[in-house]
N, C-alpha and C. Protein backbone atom coordinates (compact mmCIF):
# COMPACT_ATOMS: atom_id res chain seq x y z
N MET A 1 -49.01 21.90 35.57
CA MET A 1 -47.88 22.40 36.41
C MET A 1 -47.65 23.94 35.31
N GLY A 2 -47.09 24.62 36.33
CA GLY A 2 -47.42 26.37 36.21
C GLY A 2 -45.64 26.47 35.26
N LYS A 3 -45.92 27.31 34.39
CA LYS A 3 -44.64 27.60 33.74
C LYS A 3 -43.13 28.12 35.09
N GLN A 4 -42.09 27.97 34.62
CA GLN A 4 -40.81 28.09 35.24
C GLN A 4 -40.47 29.30 35.26
N ILE A 5 -39.90 29.94 36.25
CA ILE A 5 -38.98 31.38 36.16
C ILE A 5 -38.24 31.67 36.98
N LEU A 6 -37.16 32.04 36.76
CA LEU A 6 -35.71 32.07 37.30
C LEU A 6 -35.77 33.58 37.85
N VAL A 7 -35.56 33.68 38.99
CA VAL A 7 -35.52 35.28 38.94
C VAL A 7 -34.08 35.68 39.93
N ILE A 8 -32.76 36.43 39.40
CA ILE A 8 -31.76 36.33 39.57
C ILE A 8 -31.85 37.82 40.51
N ASP A 9 -31.00 37.84 41.87
CA ASP A 9 -30.93 39.11 41.91
C ASP A 9 -30.19 38.97 43.13
N ASP A 10 -29.45 40.04 43.61
CA ASP A 10 -28.41 40.49 45.00
C ASP A 10 -28.81 40.69 46.15
N LYS A 11 -30.25 40.79 46.02
CA LYS A 11 -30.45 41.23 46.97
C LYS A 11 -31.97 40.54 47.48
N SER A 12 -31.83 40.18 48.52
CA SER A 12 -33.08 39.01 48.97
C SER A 12 -34.29 39.25 49.43
N GLU A 13 -34.43 40.77 49.58
CA GLU A 13 -36.05 41.23 49.71
C GLU A 13 -36.61 41.28 48.43
N LEU A 14 -36.29 41.92 47.84
CA LEU A 14 -36.98 41.62 46.01
C LEU A 14 -36.92 40.40 45.41
N LEU A 15 -36.09 39.47 45.55
CA LEU A 15 -36.50 38.15 45.63
C LEU A 15 -37.62 37.50 45.67
N HIS A 16 -37.24 37.54 47.19
CA HIS A 16 -38.84 36.97 48.02
C HIS A 16 -39.89 37.68 47.69
N LEU A 17 -39.70 38.89 47.64
CA LEU A 17 -41.11 40.12 47.27
C LEU A 17 -41.20 39.38 45.36
N MET A 18 -40.52 39.07 44.65
CA MET A 18 -40.72 38.92 43.27
C MET A 18 -41.35 37.25 43.43
N ARG A 19 -40.91 36.26 44.05
CA ARG A 19 -41.32 34.91 44.24
C ARG A 19 -42.49 34.91 44.92
N ARG A 20 -42.96 35.72 45.72
CA ARG A 20 -44.20 35.68 46.13
C ARG A 20 -45.25 36.20 45.28
N VAL A 21 -45.36 37.23 44.55
CA VAL A 21 -46.00 38.00 43.31
C VAL A 21 -45.83 36.89 42.80
N LEU A 22 -45.10 36.42 41.86
CA LEU A 22 -45.21 35.29 40.66
C LEU A 22 -45.90 33.97 41.00
N GLU A 23 -45.69 33.46 42.64
CA GLU A 23 -46.01 32.50 42.44
C GLU A 23 -47.60 32.62 42.87
N ASP A 24 -47.94 33.65 43.60
CA ASP A 24 -49.50 34.08 43.42
C ASP A 24 -50.68 34.12 42.20
N GLU A 25 -49.71 33.56 40.94
CA GLU A 25 -49.95 34.03 39.59
C GLU A 25 -49.56 32.22 39.03
N SER A 26 -49.55 31.45 39.90
CA SER A 26 -49.57 30.19 39.65
C SER A 26 -48.08 29.92 38.76
N TYR A 27 -46.84 30.37 39.03
CA TYR A 27 -45.40 30.28 38.37
C TYR A 27 -45.07 29.70 39.43
N GLN A 28 -44.10 28.58 38.71
CA GLN A 28 -43.04 27.80 39.89
C GLN A 28 -41.74 28.34 39.58
N VAL A 29 -41.61 29.45 40.97
CA VAL A 29 -39.89 30.28 41.01
C VAL A 29 -39.34 29.71 41.63
N SER A 30 -38.14 30.05 41.13
CA SER A 30 -36.66 29.93 41.49
C SER A 30 -35.94 30.98 42.03
N ILE A 31 -35.10 31.13 43.08
CA ILE A 31 -34.25 32.30 43.35
C ILE A 31 -32.81 32.13 43.08
N LEU A 32 -32.27 33.10 42.80
CA LEU A 32 -30.71 33.25 43.00
C LEU A 32 -30.16 34.11 43.15
N GLN A 33 -29.43 34.36 44.06
CA GLN A 33 -28.76 35.56 44.94
C GLN A 33 -27.39 35.78 44.36
N ASN A 34 -26.86 34.76 43.74
CA ASN A 34 -25.44 35.13 43.01
C ASN A 34 -25.06 34.50 41.66
N GLY A 35 -25.07 36.08 41.02
CA GLY A 35 -24.90 36.48 40.18
C GLY A 35 -24.06 35.38 38.96
N ARG A 36 -22.76 35.04 39.93
CA ARG A 36 -22.12 34.07 39.33
C ARG A 36 -22.59 32.57 39.07
N ASP A 37 -23.49 32.15 39.41
CA ASP A 37 -23.83 31.06 39.35
C ASP A 37 -25.13 30.92 38.21
N ALA A 38 -25.49 32.15 37.64
CA ALA A 38 -27.14 32.60 37.09
C ALA A 38 -26.60 31.59 35.34
N PHE A 39 -25.79 31.36 34.88
CA PHE A 39 -25.28 31.03 33.55
C PHE A 39 -25.80 29.33 33.73
N VAL A 40 -24.73 29.12 34.58
CA VAL A 40 -24.80 27.39 34.85
C VAL A 40 -26.39 27.37 35.78
N GLN A 41 -27.27 28.09 36.15
CA GLN A 41 -28.64 27.16 36.76
C GLN A 41 -29.66 27.62 35.63
N ALA A 42 -28.91 28.47 35.30
CA ALA A 42 -30.29 28.41 33.91
C ALA A 42 -30.02 27.15 33.05
N LYS A 43 -28.93 26.91 32.60
CA LYS A 43 -28.68 25.78 31.50
C LYS A 43 -29.09 24.79 32.12
N THR A 44 -29.04 24.77 33.40
CA THR A 44 -29.31 23.20 33.91
C THR A 44 -30.73 23.58 34.01
N GLN A 45 -30.94 24.31 34.46
CA GLN A 45 -32.79 23.94 34.56
C GLN A 45 -34.00 24.24 33.57
N LEU A 46 -32.87 25.00 32.74
CA LEU A 46 -33.98 25.88 31.64
C LEU A 46 -35.63 25.95 31.70
N PRO A 47 -35.42 27.26 32.25
CA PRO A 47 -36.63 27.86 33.05
C PRO A 47 -37.33 28.32 31.78
N ASP A 48 -39.10 28.84 31.72
CA ASP A 48 -39.10 29.24 30.67
C ASP A 48 -38.84 30.65 30.51
N LEU A 49 -38.64 31.41 31.37
CA LEU A 49 -37.98 32.95 31.57
C LEU A 49 -37.32 32.96 32.77
N ILE A 50 -36.26 34.53 32.66
CA ILE A 50 -35.67 34.51 33.23
C ILE A 50 -36.17 36.28 33.97
N ILE A 51 -35.95 36.56 34.76
CA ILE A 51 -36.30 37.43 35.41
C ILE A 51 -34.54 38.66 36.31
N LEU A 52 -33.96 39.20 35.07
CA LEU A 52 -32.53 39.36 35.91
C LEU A 52 -32.41 40.61 36.16
N ASP A 53 -31.66 41.21 37.36
CA ASP A 53 -30.91 42.57 37.63
C ASP A 53 -30.16 42.67 36.93
N LEU A 54 -29.55 43.83 36.49
CA LEU A 54 -28.16 44.06 35.97
C LEU A 54 -27.21 44.12 36.58
N LYS A 55 -27.79 44.79 37.84
CA LYS A 55 -26.89 45.55 39.11
C LYS A 55 -26.60 44.09 39.85
N LEU A 56 -25.90 43.22 39.77
CA LEU A 56 -25.26 41.80 40.49
C LEU A 56 -24.27 42.52 41.62
N GLY A 57 -23.86 42.01 42.66
CA GLY A 57 -22.65 42.20 43.17
C GLY A 57 -21.28 41.65 42.92
N ASP A 58 -21.92 39.99 42.14
CA ASP A 58 -20.33 39.61 41.99
C ASP A 58 -19.97 39.53 40.42
N ILE A 59 -21.04 39.91 39.75
CA ILE A 59 -20.71 39.88 38.00
C ILE A 59 -22.07 40.65 37.56
N SER A 60 -21.02 41.20 36.16
CA SER A 60 -22.59 42.01 35.43
C SER A 60 -23.82 41.39 34.87
N GLY A 61 -24.84 41.86 35.31
CA GLY A 61 -26.02 41.20 34.43
C GLY A 61 -26.16 41.36 33.16
N GLN A 62 -25.13 42.55 32.96
CA GLN A 62 -25.02 42.22 31.07
C GLN A 62 -24.49 41.09 30.53
N ASP A 63 -23.27 40.91 31.13
CA ASP A 63 -22.81 39.83 31.29
C ASP A 63 -23.03 38.47 31.20
N VAL A 64 -24.42 38.08 32.11
CA VAL A 64 -24.93 37.10 31.95
C VAL A 64 -25.95 37.08 31.41
N LEU A 65 -26.69 38.21 30.52
CA LEU A 65 -27.72 38.13 29.97
C LEU A 65 -26.70 37.77 28.43
N LYS A 66 -25.78 38.63 28.28
CA LYS A 66 -24.79 38.05 27.17
C LYS A 66 -24.75 36.07 27.16
N GLN A 67 -23.96 35.92 27.69
CA GLN A 67 -24.21 34.55 27.93
C GLN A 67 -24.98 33.41 27.92
N LEU A 68 -26.27 34.20 28.06
CA LEU A 68 -27.47 33.49 27.92
C LEU A 68 -27.43 33.37 26.66
N LYS A 69 -27.74 34.83 26.13
CA LYS A 69 -28.11 34.63 24.69
C LYS A 69 -26.94 34.00 23.55
N ASN A 70 -25.73 34.05 23.78
CA ASN A 70 -24.68 33.07 23.19
C ASN A 70 -24.38 31.84 23.41
N ASP A 71 -25.51 30.94 24.06
CA ASP A 71 -25.04 29.58 24.25
C ASP A 71 -26.44 29.39 23.13
N PRO A 72 -26.27 28.23 22.52
CA PRO A 72 -27.70 27.98 21.95
C PRO A 72 -28.84 27.05 22.61
N VAL A 73 -27.91 26.62 23.85
CA VAL A 73 -29.08 26.16 25.08
C VAL A 73 -29.96 26.82 25.67
N THR A 74 -29.43 28.37 25.62
CA THR A 74 -30.11 29.21 26.64
C THR A 74 -30.68 30.09 25.65
N ALA A 75 -30.13 30.56 24.40
CA ALA A 75 -30.43 31.50 23.66
C ALA A 75 -32.01 31.78 23.42
N GLU A 76 -33.08 30.97 23.32
CA GLU A 76 -34.37 31.23 23.39
C GLU A 76 -35.16 31.25 24.50
N ILE A 77 -34.69 31.26 25.95
CA ILE A 77 -35.28 31.50 27.04
C ILE A 77 -35.34 33.18 26.88
N PRO A 78 -36.76 33.64 27.14
CA PRO A 78 -37.20 34.74 27.38
C PRO A 78 -36.55 35.67 28.41
N VAL A 79 -35.89 36.69 28.20
CA VAL A 79 -35.46 37.61 29.64
C VAL A 79 -36.07 39.02 29.60
N ILE A 80 -36.63 39.24 31.35
CA ILE A 80 -36.40 40.82 31.67
C ILE A 80 -35.28 41.27 32.52
N VAL A 81 -35.03 42.37 31.69
CA VAL A 81 -33.85 42.75 32.80
C VAL A 81 -34.38 43.58 33.33
N TYR A 82 -34.13 44.57 34.36
CA TYR A 82 -34.04 45.67 35.65
C TYR A 82 -33.16 45.92 35.65
N THR A 83 -32.98 47.38 36.17
CA THR A 83 -31.69 48.18 36.79
C THR A 83 -32.44 49.35 37.00
N ALA A 84 -31.87 50.14 38.07
CA ALA A 84 -32.42 51.46 38.48
C ALA A 84 -31.34 52.52 37.40
N ALA A 85 -30.49 52.00 37.19
CA ALA A 85 -29.01 52.66 36.53
C ALA A 85 -29.95 52.74 35.26
N VAL A 86 -29.91 54.46 35.03
CA VAL A 86 -30.56 55.01 33.78
C VAL A 86 -29.63 54.74 32.56
N LEU A 87 -28.15 54.65 32.43
CA LEU A 87 -27.19 54.57 31.39
C LEU A 87 -27.01 53.07 31.35
N GLU A 88 -27.10 52.17 32.23
CA GLU A 88 -27.15 51.01 32.12
C GLU A 88 -28.16 50.41 31.27
N ALA A 89 -29.45 50.75 31.75
CA ALA A 89 -30.71 50.57 30.84
C ALA A 89 -30.65 50.69 29.60
N GLU A 90 -30.44 52.08 29.12
CA GLU A 90 -29.58 52.67 27.87
C GLU A 90 -28.79 51.71 26.94
N GLU A 91 -28.46 51.28 27.52
CA GLU A 91 -26.72 50.80 27.07
C GLU A 91 -27.41 49.16 26.72
N VAL A 92 -28.26 48.26 27.39
CA VAL A 92 -28.90 46.98 27.19
C VAL A 92 -29.98 47.13 26.29
N SER A 93 -30.53 48.51 26.06
CA SER A 93 -31.66 48.76 25.50
C SER A 93 -31.16 48.88 24.01
N ARG A 94 -29.76 49.27 23.83
CA ARG A 94 -29.05 49.40 22.50
C ARG A 94 -28.38 48.34 22.26
N LEU A 95 -28.03 47.35 23.14
CA LEU A 95 -27.74 45.93 22.86
C LEU A 95 -29.05 45.41 21.95
N VAL A 96 -29.95 45.15 22.53
CA VAL A 96 -31.13 44.86 22.60
C VAL A 96 -31.57 44.88 20.77
N SER A 97 -31.60 46.40 20.47
CA SER A 97 -32.42 46.47 19.50
C SER A 97 -31.35 46.52 18.62
N GLY A 98 -30.07 46.62 18.76
CA GLY A 98 -28.50 46.77 17.69
C GLY A 98 -28.57 45.12 17.39
N ASP A 99 -29.12 44.15 17.78
CA ASP A 99 -29.27 42.48 17.40
C ASP A 99 -30.64 41.92 17.66
N PRO A 100 -31.91 42.30 17.02
CA PRO A 100 -32.99 41.84 17.47
C PRO A 100 -33.17 40.20 17.31
N ALA A 101 -32.53 39.80 16.27
CA ALA A 101 -32.54 38.06 15.91
C ALA A 101 -32.20 37.38 17.25
N CYS A 102 -30.66 38.19 17.88
CA CYS A 102 -30.21 37.18 19.24
C CYS A 102 -30.96 38.18 20.60
N TYR A 103 -31.84 39.04 20.47
CA TYR A 103 -31.87 39.23 21.33
C TYR A 103 -33.49 39.98 21.58
N HIS A 104 -34.24 39.02 20.70
CA HIS A 104 -36.03 39.16 20.32
C HIS A 104 -36.62 39.43 21.52
N ALA A 105 -36.39 38.20 22.75
CA ALA A 105 -37.30 38.32 23.50
C ALA A 105 -36.88 38.48 24.87
N VAL A 106 -36.34 39.96 24.77
CA VAL A 106 -35.26 40.49 25.91
C VAL A 106 -36.31 41.62 25.94
N ARG A 107 -36.47 41.92 27.27
CA ARG A 107 -37.31 43.16 27.44
C ARG A 107 -36.54 43.98 29.14
N VAL A 108 -36.39 44.95 28.92
CA VAL A 108 -35.52 45.88 29.48
C VAL A 108 -36.76 46.67 30.39
N VAL A 109 -36.32 46.93 31.30
CA VAL A 109 -37.45 47.43 32.33
C VAL A 109 -36.83 48.23 33.77
N GLN A 110 -37.24 49.74 33.54
CA GLN A 110 -36.28 50.65 34.41
C GLN A 110 -37.24 50.59 35.92
N LYS A 111 -36.32 50.75 37.11
CA LYS A 111 -36.87 50.66 38.28
C LYS A 111 -37.03 52.29 39.07
N PRO A 112 -37.70 52.29 39.48
CA PRO A 112 -38.95 51.56 40.05
C PRO A 112 -39.86 51.16 38.89
N PHE A 113 -40.36 49.95 39.27
CA PHE A 113 -41.74 49.53 38.10
C PHE A 113 -42.79 48.94 38.84
N GLU A 114 -43.76 49.07 37.87
CA GLU A 114 -45.02 48.61 39.16
C GLU A 114 -45.41 47.20 38.82
N LEU A 115 -45.38 46.38 39.94
CA LEU A 115 -45.57 44.90 39.61
C LEU A 115 -46.85 44.21 38.99
N GLU A 116 -47.72 45.53 38.70
CA GLU A 116 -48.83 45.01 37.51
C GLU A 116 -48.13 44.69 36.02
N ASP A 117 -47.10 46.15 35.80
CA ASP A 117 -46.61 45.69 34.53
C ASP A 117 -45.72 44.86 34.50
N LEU A 118 -44.93 44.32 35.62
CA LEU A 118 -44.01 43.68 35.48
C LEU A 118 -44.96 41.90 34.96
N LEU A 119 -46.12 41.86 35.42
CA LEU A 119 -46.80 40.67 35.56
C LEU A 119 -47.14 40.52 34.05
N LYS A 120 -47.88 41.95 33.46
CA LYS A 120 -48.29 41.84 31.95
C LYS A 120 -47.30 41.46 31.00
N MET A 121 -45.94 41.75 31.43
CA MET A 121 -44.80 41.75 30.69
C MET A 121 -44.57 40.06 30.69
N VAL A 122 -44.43 39.40 31.78
CA VAL A 122 -44.28 38.06 31.98
C VAL A 122 -45.24 37.12 31.33
N GLU A 123 -46.79 37.73 31.00
CA GLU A 123 -47.41 36.93 30.91
C GLU A 123 -47.40 37.15 29.15
N ASN A 124 -47.02 38.39 28.63
CA ASN A 124 -46.95 38.02 27.39
C ASN A 124 -45.80 37.51 26.57
N LEU A 125 -44.36 37.67 27.82
CA LEU A 125 -43.54 36.77 26.82
C LEU A 125 -43.81 34.89 27.60
N LEU A 126 -44.60 34.43 27.78
CA LEU A 126 -44.55 33.23 28.38
C LEU A 126 -46.07 32.79 27.70
N GLY A 127 -46.91 33.95 27.18
CA GLY A 127 -48.33 33.59 26.43
C GLY A 127 -49.50 33.21 27.18
N LYS A 128 -49.33 33.64 28.32
CA LYS A 128 -50.41 33.23 29.26
C LYS A 128 -51.10 34.57 29.72
N SER A 129 -52.14 33.90 29.87
CA SER A 129 -53.08 35.44 30.21
C SER A 129 -53.48 35.28 32.01
N LEU A 130 -53.82 35.97 32.93
CA LEU A 130 -54.24 36.08 34.15
C LEU A 130 -55.52 35.71 34.16
N SER A 131 -55.95 34.69 34.81
CA SER A 131 -57.30 34.66 34.79
C SER A 131 -58.21 35.36 35.80
């Protein structure tokens, strides 16, 4: 059974692209288009990795990240956050570097990014190598 990844983004095109790319690498992928349900979904599902857009329509991805990392049940789940907003990426990078104990398994990616780079980051966080 492959590792489980939860992808959270308010844009369905990106969700389905990510699902297809990750499933091609034998990951089990769940997608969520509603940021408000992200924390509850993560706590219920307990995926091996979360890929999170910081610009969600209904809630800030940064708020979701803080909820995840401040709850003992979800705190150890690795998270890849991505955004096209430079200032938001810098803000989250400062958050991560300011509390490395809490945010040790968080990676920040600036859009646009190469899918190959994202896959390498996923592999690195999950300890899986591509075959």
